[in-house]
C-alpha atoms as a PDB file:
ATOM      1  CA  MET A   1       9.684  -9.222  -9.969  1.00  0.00           C
ATOM      2  CA  HIS A   2       8.313  -5.673  -9.581  1.00  0.00           C
ATOM      3  CA  LEU A   3       5.309  -3.579 -10.762  1.00  0.00           C
ATOM      4  CA  LYS A   4       7.083  -0.232 -10.356  1.00  0.00           C
ATOM      5  CA  ASP A   5       4.979   1.265 -13.170  1.00  0.00           C
ATOM      6  CA  TRP A   6       1.754  -0.027 -11.443  1.00  0.00           C
ATOM      7  CA  THR A   7      -0.225   1.875  -8.883  1.00  0.00           C
ATOM      8  CA  LEU A   8      -1.734   0.320  -5.710  1.00  0.00           C
ATOM      9  CA  PHE A   9      -4.886   1.857  -4.469  1.00  0.00           C
ATOM     10  CA  LEU A  10      -5.773   0.636  -0.932  1.00  0.00           C
ATOM     11  CA  ASP A  11      -8.791   1.042   1.277  1.00  0.00           C
ATOM     12  CA  ARG A  12      -7.878   1.965   4.772  1.00  0.00           C
ATOM     13  CA  ASP A  13     -10.446   0.475   7.490  1.00  0.00           C
ATOM     14  CA  GLY A  14     -10.380  -3.333   7.357  1.00  0.00           C
ATOM     15  CA  VAL A  15      -7.418  -3.526   4.907  1.00  0.00           C
ATOM     16  CA  ILE A  16      -4.733  -1.461   6.763  1.00  0.00           C
ATOM     17  CA  ASN A  17      -6.021  -1.261  10.228  1.00  0.00           C
ATOM     18  CA  VAL A  18      -8.743  -2.765  12.297  1.00  0.00           C
ATOM     19  CA  GLN A  19     -12.028  -1.558  11.528  1.00  0.00           C
ATOM     20  CA  LYS A  20     -14.077  -0.192  14.383  1.00  0.00           C
ATOM     21  CA  ARG A  21     -17.335  -2.025  13.775  1.00  0.00           C
ATOM     22  CA  SER A  22     -19.485   0.202  16.152  1.00  0.00           C
ATOM     23  CA  GLY A  23     -18.555   3.637  14.518  1.00  0.00           C
ATOM     24  CA  TYR A  24     -15.696   5.492  13.213  1.00  0.00           C
ATOM     25  CA  ILE A  25     -11.763   5.712  14.195  1.00  0.00           C
ATOM     26  CA  GLN A  26     -11.825   9.302  15.513  1.00  0.00           C
ATOM     27  CA  ASN A  27      -8.256   9.549  16.830  1.00  0.00           C
ATOM     28  CA  ARG A  28      -4.683   8.136  16.804  1.00  0.00           C
ATOM     29  CA  ALA A  29      -5.351   5.995  19.888  1.00  0.00           C
ATOM     30  CA  GLU A  30      -8.077   4.041  18.144  1.00  0.00           C
ATOM     31  CA  PHE A  31      -6.029   3.313  15.045  1.00  0.00           C
ATOM     32  CA  CYS A  32      -4.460  -0.058  15.204  1.00  0.00           C
ATOM     33  CA  PHE A  33      -2.701  -1.815  12.303  1.00  0.00           C
ATOM     34  CA  LEU A  34      -3.879  -5.147  11.488  1.00  0.00           C
ATOM     35  CA  PRO A  35      -1.564  -8.009  12.151  1.00  0.00           C
ATOM     36  CA  LYS A  36       1.775  -7.888  10.080  1.00  0.00           C
ATOM     37  CA  ASN A  37       0.763  -5.020   8.074  1.00  0.00           C
ATOM     38  CA  LEU A  38       3.624  -2.811   9.056  1.00  0.00           C
ATOM     39  CA  GLU A  39       5.965  -5.487   7.799  1.00  0.00           C
ATOM     40  CA  VAL A  40       3.901  -5.894   4.621  1.00  0.00           C
ATOM     41  CA  PHE A  41       4.200  -2.314   3.554  1.00  0.00           C
ATOM     42  CA  LYS A  42       7.985  -2.627   3.268  1.00  0.00           C
ATOM     43  CA  LYS A  43       7.140  -5.598   0.660  1.00  0.00           C
ATOM     44  CA  ILE A  44       4.618  -3.349  -0.956  1.00  0.00           C
ATOM     45  CA  SER A  45       7.079  -0.713  -1.481  1.00  0.00           C
ATOM     46  CA  GLU A  46       9.345  -3.154  -3.324  1.00  0.00           C
ATOM     47  CA  PHE A  47       6.814  -3.989  -5.722  1.00  0.00           C
ATOM     48  CA  PHE A  48       4.769  -0.982  -6.562  1.00  0.00           C
ATOM     49  CA  GLY A  49       6.054   2.529  -7.491  1.00  0.00           C
ATOM     50  CA  THR A  50       2.832   4.429  -6.438  1.00  0.00           C
ATOM     51  CA  VAL A  51       0.928   3.487  -3.234  1.00  0.00           C
ATOM     52  CA  LEU A  52      -2.203   5.409  -2.407  1.00  0.00           C
ATOM     53  CA  VAL A  53      -4.738   5.127   0.262  1.00  0.00           C
ATOM     54  CA  VAL A  54      -8.510   6.099  -0.809  1.00  0.00           C
ATOM     55  CA  THR A  55     -10.948   6.215   2.020  1.00  0.00           C
ATOM     56  CA  ASN A  56     -14.593   7.212   2.805  1.00  0.00           C
ATOM     57  CA  GLN A  57     -14.528   9.108   6.178  1.00  0.00           C
ATOM     58  CA  GLN A  58     -18.058  10.589   6.581  1.00  0.00           C
ATOM     59  CA  GLY A  59     -17.567  10.621  10.273  1.00  0.00           C
ATOM     60  CA  ILE A  60     -16.350  14.353   9.672  1.00  0.00           C
ATOM     61  CA  ALA A  61     -19.653  15.105   7.984  1.00  0.00           C
ATOM     62  CA  LYS A  62     -21.324  13.727  11.144  1.00  0.00           C
ATOM     63  CA  GLY A  63     -19.432  15.748  13.272  1.00  0.00           C
ATOM     64  CA  LEU A  64     -17.739  12.910  15.106  1.00  0.00           C
ATOM     65  CA  MET A  65     -14.176  14.220  14.149  1.00  0.00           C
ATOM     66  CA  THR A  66     -12.718  17.026  12.208  1.00  0.00           C
ATOM     67  CA  GLU A  67     -10.321  16.997   9.263  1.00  0.00           C
ATOM     68  CA  ASP A  68      -7.453  17.980  11.673  1.00  0.00           C
ATOM     69  CA  ASP A  69      -8.346  14.582  13.762  1.00  0.00           C
ATOM     70  CA  LEU A  70      -8.341  12.702  10.524  1.00  0.00           C
ATOM     71  CA  ASN A  71      -4.996  14.171   9.255  1.00  0.00           C
ATOM     72  CA  ASP A  72      -3.572  13.243  12.643  1.00  0.00           C
ATOM     73  CA  ILE A  73      -4.620   9.724  12.368  1.00  0.00           C
ATOM     74  CA  HIS A  74      -2.962   9.539   8.811  1.00  0.00           C
ATOM     75  CA  ASN A  75       0.096  11.341   9.886  1.00  0.00           C
ATOM     76  CA  HIS A  76       0.478   8.714  12.527  1.00  0.00           C
ATOM     77  CA  MET A  77      -0.050   5.831  10.029  1.00  0.00           C
ATOM     78  CA  LEU A  78       2.190   7.313   7.568  1.00  0.00           C
ATOM     79  CA  ASP A  79       4.956   7.701  10.202  1.00  0.00           C
ATOM     80  CA  GLU A  80       4.632   4.340  11.453  1.00  0.00           C
ATOM     81  CA  ILE A  81       4.572   2.755   7.750  1.00  0.00           C
ATOM     82  CA  THR A  82       7.920   4.772   6.846  1.00  0.00           C
ATOM     83  CA  THR A  83       9.588   3.769   9.976  1.00  0.00           C
ATOM     84  CA  ALA A  84       8.952   0.279   9.015  1.00  0.00           C
ATOM     85  CA  GLY A  85      10.528   0.650   5.712  1.00  0.00           C
ATOM     86  CA  GLY A  86       7.302   1.119   3.554  1.00  0.00           C
ATOM     87  CA  HIS A  87       5.705   4.186   1.946  1.00  0.00           C
ATOM     88  CA  ILE A  88       2.361   5.704   0.929  1.00  0.00           C
ATOM     89  CA  ASN A  89       2.542   8.275  -1.481  1.00  0.00           C
ATOM     90  CA  LYS A  90      -0.622  10.104  -0.616  1.00  0.00           C
ATOM     91  CA  VAL A  91      -3.883   9.491   1.437  1.00  0.00           C
ATOM     92  CA  TYR A  92      -7.243  10.736  -0.182  1.00  0.00           C
ATOM     93  CA  PHE A  93     -10.448  10.852   1.668  1.00  0.00           C
ATOM     94  CA  CYS A  94     -13.887  11.881   1.155  1.00  0.00           C
ATOM     95  CA  PRO A  95     -15.469  13.680   4.250  1.00  0.00           C
ATOM     96  CA  ASP A  96     -19.069  13.868   2.827  1.00  0.00           C
ATOM     97  CA  PHE A  97     -22.296  12.133   3.594  1.00  0.00           C
ATOM     98  CA  ALA A  98     -23.137   8.973   1.877  1.00  0.00           C
ATOM     99  CA  TYR A  99     -26.524   9.962   0.948  1.00  0.00           C
ATOM    100  CA  LEU A 100     -25.300  13.054  -0.899  1.00  0.00           C
ATOM    101  CA  ASN A 101     -23.571  10.757  -3.398  1.00  0.00           C
ATOM    102  CA  PRO A 102     -20.544  13.017  -3.860  1.00  0.00           C
ATOM    103  CA  PRO A 103     -17.970  12.501  -6.555  1.00  0.00           C
ATOM    104  CA  CYS A 104     -15.218  11.685  -4.048  1.00  0.00           C
ATOM    105  CA  ARG A 105     -17.101   8.886  -2.133  1.00  0.00           C
ATOM    106  CA  LYS A 106     -16.465   5.655  -3.443  1.00  0.00           C
ATOM    107  CA  PRO A 107     -17.741   3.908  -5.634  1.00  0.00           C
ATOM    108  CA  ASN A 108     -17.652   7.261  -7.429  1.00  0.00           C
ATOM    109  CA  THR A 109     -14.275   7.826  -8.912  1.00  0.00           C
ATOM    110  CA  GLY A 110     -13.282  11.310  -7.793  1.00  0.00           C
ATOM    111  CA  MET A 111     -10.619  10.454  -5.423  1.00  0.00           C
ATOM    112  CA  ALA A 112      -8.792   8.307  -8.354  1.00  0.00           C
ATOM    113  CA  LEU A 113      -9.288  11.209 -10.609  1.00  0.00           C
ATOM    114  CA  LYS A 114      -7.633  13.696  -8.261  1.00  0.00           C
ATOM    115  CA  ALA A 115      -4.923  11.061  -7.860  1.00  0.00           C
ATOM    116  CA  LYS A 116      -4.405  11.105 -11.624  1.00  0.00           C
ATOM    117  CA  GLU A 117      -4.031  14.944 -11.514  1.00  0.00           C
ATOM    118  CA  ASP A 118      -1.340  14.610  -8.775  1.00  0.00           C
ATOM    119  CA  PHE A 119       0.426  11.643 -10.256  1.00  0.00           C
ATOM    120  CA  PRO A 120      -0.124  11.963 -14.069  1.00  0.00           C
ATOM    121  CA  GLU A 121       2.004   8.798 -14.694  1.00  0.00           C
ATOM    122  CA  ILE A 122      -1.165   6.678 -13.180  1.00  0.00           C
ATOM    123  CA  ASP A 123      -2.398   4.352 -15.726  1.00  0.00           C
ATOM    124  CA  PHE A 124      -5.611   2.880 -14.371  1.00  0.00           C
ATOM    125  CA  SER A 125      -5.170  -0.246 -16.583  1.00  0.00           C
ATOM    126  CA  LYS A 126      -1.981  -0.827 -14.507  1.00  0.00           C
ATOM    127  CA  SER A 127      -3.516  -0.295 -11.173  1.00  0.00           C
ATOM    128  CA  VAL A 128      -4.930  -2.544  -8.374  1.00  0.00           C
ATOM    129  CA  MET A 129      -7.485  -1.643  -5.937  1.00  0.00           C
ATOM    130  CA  VAL A 130      -7.584  -3.622  -2.737  1.00  0.00           C
ATOM    131  CA  GLY A 131     -10.526  -3.072  -0.402  1.00  0.00           C
ATOM    132  CA  ASP A 132     -13.128  -4.990   1.671  1.00  0.00           C
ATOM    133  CA  SER A 133     -16.331  -3.757   0.651  1.00  0.00           C
ATOM    134  CA  ASP A 134     -18.588  -3.769  -2.459  1.00  0.00           C
ATOM    135  CA  THR A 135     -17.966   0.008  -2.974  1.00  0.00           C
ATOM    136  CA  ASP A 136     -14.117  -0.627  -3.155  1.00  0.00           C
ATOM    137  CA  ILE A 137     -14.401  -3.412  -5.691  1.00  0.00           C
ATOM    138  CA  GLU A 138     -17.042  -1.189  -7.847  1.00  0.00           C
ATOM    139  CA  PHE A 139     -14.611   1.879  -7.564  1.00  0.00           C
ATOM    140  CA  GLY A 140     -11.812  -0.084  -9.051  1.00  0.00           C
ATOM    141  CA  LYS A 141     -14.279  -1.693 -11.836  1.00  0.00           C
ATOM    142  CA  ARG A 142     -15.368   1.748 -12.921  1.00  0.00           C
ATOM    143  CA  LEU A 143     -11.664   2.606 -13.777  1.00  0.00           C
ATOM    144  CA  GLY A 144     -10.431  -0.676 -15.195  1.00  0.00           C
ATOM    145  CA  MET A 145      -8.303  -1.680 -12.382  1.00  0.00           C
ATOM    146  CA  LEU A 146      -7.555  -5.334 -11.136  1.00  0.00           C
ATOM    147  CA  CYS A 147      -9.714  -5.545  -8.066  1.00  0.00           C
ATOM    148  CA  VAL A 148      -8.622  -7.456  -4.831  1.00  0.00           C
ATOM    149  CA  TRP A 149     -11.368  -8.102  -2.254  1.00  0.00           C
ATOM    150  CA  ILE A 150     -10.202  -8.665   1.479  1.00  0.00           C
ATOM    151  CA  ASP A 151     -12.417 -11.020   2.906  1.00  0.00           C
ATOM    152  CA  ASN A 152     -12.233 -10.323   6.550  1.00  0.00           C
ATOM    153  CA  GLY A 153     -15.140 -12.665   7.303  1.00  0.00           C
ATOM    154  CA  ASP A 154     -17.562  -9.904   8.218  1.00  0.00           C
ATOM    155  CA  LYS A 155     -20.061 -10.331   5.193  1.00  0.00           C
ATOM    156  CA  SER A 156     -23.148 -12.383   4.949  1.00  0.00           C
ATOM    157  CA  ASP A 157     -22.827 -15.325   2.653  1.00  0.00           C
ATOM    158  CA  LYS A 158     -24.742 -13.642   0.059  1.00  0.00           C
ATOM    159  CA  LYS A 159     -22.585 -10.583  -0.078  1.00  0.00           C
ATOM    160  CA  ARG A 160     -19.600 -12.827  -0.028  1.00  0.00           C
ATOM    161  CA  GLU A 161     -20.706 -14.701  -3.010  1.00  0.00           C
ATOM    162  CA  SER A 162     -21.491 -11.510  -4.726  1.00  0.00           C
ATOM    163  CA  LEU A 163     -17.978  -9.889  -3.917  1.00  0.00           C
ATOM    164  CA  THR A 164     -16.247 -13.143  -4.770  1.00  0.00           C
ATOM    165  CA  LYS A 165     -17.831 -12.952  -8.436  1.00  0.00           C
ATOM    166  CA  GLU A 166     -16.936  -9.235  -8.752  1.00  0.00           C
ATOM    167  CA  ALA A 167     -13.295  -9.237  -7.481  1.00  0.00           C
ATOM    168  CA  ASP A 168     -10.462 -10.396  -9.880  1.00  0.00           C
ATOM    169  CA  TYR A 169      -8.795 -12.003  -6.722  1.00  0.00           C
ATOM    170  CA  VAL A 170      -9.869 -12.676  -3.027  1.00  0.00           C
ATOM    171  CA  PHE A 171      -7.448 -12.973  -0.185  1.00  0.00           C
ATOM    172  CA  ALA A 172      -8.020 -13.099   3.514  1.00  0.00           C
ATOM    173  CA  SER A 173      -5.683 -10.299   4.438  1.00  0.00           C
ATOM    174  CA  LEU A 174      -3.391  -7.651   2.736  1.00  0.00           C
ATOM    175  CA  GLU A 175      -0.393  -9.864   3.835  1.00  0.00           C
ATOM    176  CA  ASP A 176      -1.727 -12.876   1.883  1.00  0.00           C
ATOM    177  CA  PHE A 177      -2.380 -10.564  -1.202  1.00  0.00           C
ATOM    178  CA  VAL A 178       1.382  -9.321  -1.116  1.00  0.00           C
ATOM    179  CA  SER A 179       2.688 -12.806  -0.692  1.00  0.00           C
ATOM    180  CA  ALA A 180       0.816 -13.864  -3.628  1.00  0.00           C
ATOM    181  CA  LEU A 181       2.003 -11.102  -5.903  1.00  0.00           C
ATOM    182  CA  PRO A 182       5.166 -12.797  -7.636  1.00  0.00           C
ATOM    183  CA  ASN A 183       2.944 -15.533  -8.570  1.00  0.00           C
ATOM    184  CA  VAL A 184      -0.726 -14.117  -9.009  1.00  0.00           C
ATOM    185  CA  PHE A 185       0.187 -10.977 -11.123  1.00  0.00           C
ATOM    186  CA  PHE A 186       3.298 -12.354 -12.988  1.00  0.00           C
ATOM    187  CA  ASP A 187       0.948 -13.269 -16.097  1.00  0.00           C
ATOM    188  CA  LYS A 188      -0.812  -9.838 -15.860  1.00  0.00           C
ATOM    189  CA  VAL A 189       2.479  -7.794 -16.172  1.00  0.00           C
ATOM    190  CA  VAL A 190       4.587  -9.768 -18.465  1.00  0.00           C
END
């Protein structure tokens, strides 16, 4: 089974890489893939035609890093994924402060709308959003995507209950999601 006409949107921190709980990943030395994720990207590339990253990065607005720093992190991430046999078509990020509520910051849909401009074949009804926060799930829901919440165990019981209800699917990791693809989504795409 493949989903080559489907698009996969991925959050970055906590989904692709280890999230830095006390701040922001500010350079490539701090970027560490979650276990088995490099191998997972090869499988992702076998399923999905378009793979995109959408990530809020207000550390730029806070002056903790520059866009050049972030681009260096992303270039490192993309090189490692490509070397492992996977691909990401493009990375979108929002550098703005959350309190400004900019159109590009999830849960607002600006990054997805920009992706649609860049990849006109994107059909949001044939898209999956995988994230580890309520803003990721709300982002996907606003666009009519299937939403997958990665429950990495860092939420309160009340927040976990809410996210479990909001998401279409819940998995412990990106690896678990990809392992379930042939069975979980088969009924959605036939």
